[in-house]
Amino acid sequence: MRLRYTAMPAWPPLAWLARLTPGDTVDVFHGSDVAIKQEWFGEAVWDGPYPLGDMDHTDVVFGSGGRLRWGLLGSSVTFVSSASTVDRLQSMTACGATWVSNSLVCLLATVGASVDPAYPAYFRDFKSITAGLARYTRTLATSEGEIRFTYYHNLVWDGQSLREVTKPRPARSFASFPSYRAFLESSLARLMENASAPGRSFVFDPLGTISSGYDSATVAALARPGLREAIAFDRSGSGEQDSGAAIAAALDIRLTVIERDAWRATTLPEVPFLSADAKGEDVYFSSAAAQLKRRLLLTGFHGDRVWSTRGQGDHLTRGDQSGLSLTEYRLWAGFVHCPVPFLGARNIDEISAISRSEAMARWSTGSRYSRPICRRVLEESGVSGEHFGQSKKAASVLFFKSDGRLSESARQDYGAWLERHGLSPARWSSVRRWAVAARSLLPSGPHDHRYRPLFPWAMEHAMERYARVPQPYELVGAVP
């Protein structure tokens, strides 16, 4: 088996798509910043030597890619997903081939598929990953057949069929705070070493995120001294100051404060975010586009569960889907997303036991918003307790809430799109009444039914980024 590559210069720089047909060749189409080698490709960062391309041999990996290997029974290609649930792989069989991609938009555009504008439960289906790896909705219906989502697992192509396999799961024991902290710090150091390896065409310089809460600040403290820069957003969704400037100063990290709502002045900024998960709550990150290119973005997503005192089992259940809407945007902006709390997160019960232990009592506030691990990391790093974790804040933009609002460019375009598709407000009122009567399709809460079709609207626009995939006779030769 061999990998055969075709560069797609007009695609988002980190997007890739593999076309699988029976035989010994796997065709890979890729954006300009996807690394291509004779035996592997990808936009991944992992905890091992970069030249070996062993991203398939670890569960400390972010981004995605593919690895060709030979064994006693023949050769195979392993498609590697991020070890988190804020990124995924998607696959389907259509147009006489099996396809795998790190982009849902790319896959839909390539096979010429569309989604149903009148289906009212996209938000619910994408949100299901918060219920954990055993309970999420695994397929998405399209005009060309079902797309399958793969989170936190790999896919193996043996030349005839594609199957899902678990990631390697090394035996780890987090018996104490020092052992857990050492694991996090060593993993981050190896990830940053891989991201800056001399063999790369360019490096992914680490970039932190610092707010006045617990999680992102803890990540920044753990990533020192390799982390020298971070971004912060000037305020939370409720309008409170949230930049974490005092934390950055204590950690000696250069901080760039970004205006949270600057994205509203750009054209259709919501598109890549909504096309990723039908919610788009991380759209405010597009305000930092200039800082994100070719970065390893270190975030605290999932820290609310991993660093709490409760424990959740090993299925990676979450409280919300924050971070998931970055999965398409990061391919466009050109960065790898590393949500640090996912490191070792399948040992969450041991981690939570550390938080509840007597040894951590002095760092527990006793309140619901208590993170003993975070507080100890930060205080031992020289950050005063008055500068973090005083109250729970969030920067998320909630379009589906009744008080959410689109940018002006999106509002006008979306209104015209609804009319073209016969989805007037009156029509959606009737759909909503039917769905509520069925008591199954719409999620609970103050969600505005007018925004139900935002996902198909965004998908139509997002697919415009993807040029036609060449036919086999147009493909370039294998990388020497």
Foldseek 3Di string as FASTA:
>chain_A
DWEFEDEDALFQQFKKKWWADFDDYIYMYHHNQWDDDGFKIHDKFFLDAQVVPVLQQDLRMFGWIKGWDADPVGIKIKTDHHSALLFWKKWDDFPNTIMIISDPLQVCLARVKAADLLAQFLLVQLFQCLVFDVTHNQWGQIPGGIMGIGHQWMWMGRSHDIDTGHGDDDDDACQALVRVLVLLLSRLVSRQCRQCPPPRPHGAQAEFEFWQAQFSLLQLLSNPPSAAEYEYEQAFPVRHGIGLPLSCVLLNHHYDYFHQPPLLPDAPLQQLLCLQRVWSFVSSCVSVLVVAASHAYEGQPLCLQLQALPFDAQRNNRPTNPSNSCSRVCSNSHYIYDNSSSVVCNVSNSSSVNCVDPVQVVQFPPDRQTGSSRSVSSVVSRRDPVRHNPDDGHRTQGCFAPPGDHRPNCVVQVQVVCVVVVNDVVNLVVSVVVCVVVVPRDDDDRTDSVSSSVNSVSSVVVSVSDDHDDDPVVTDGRDD
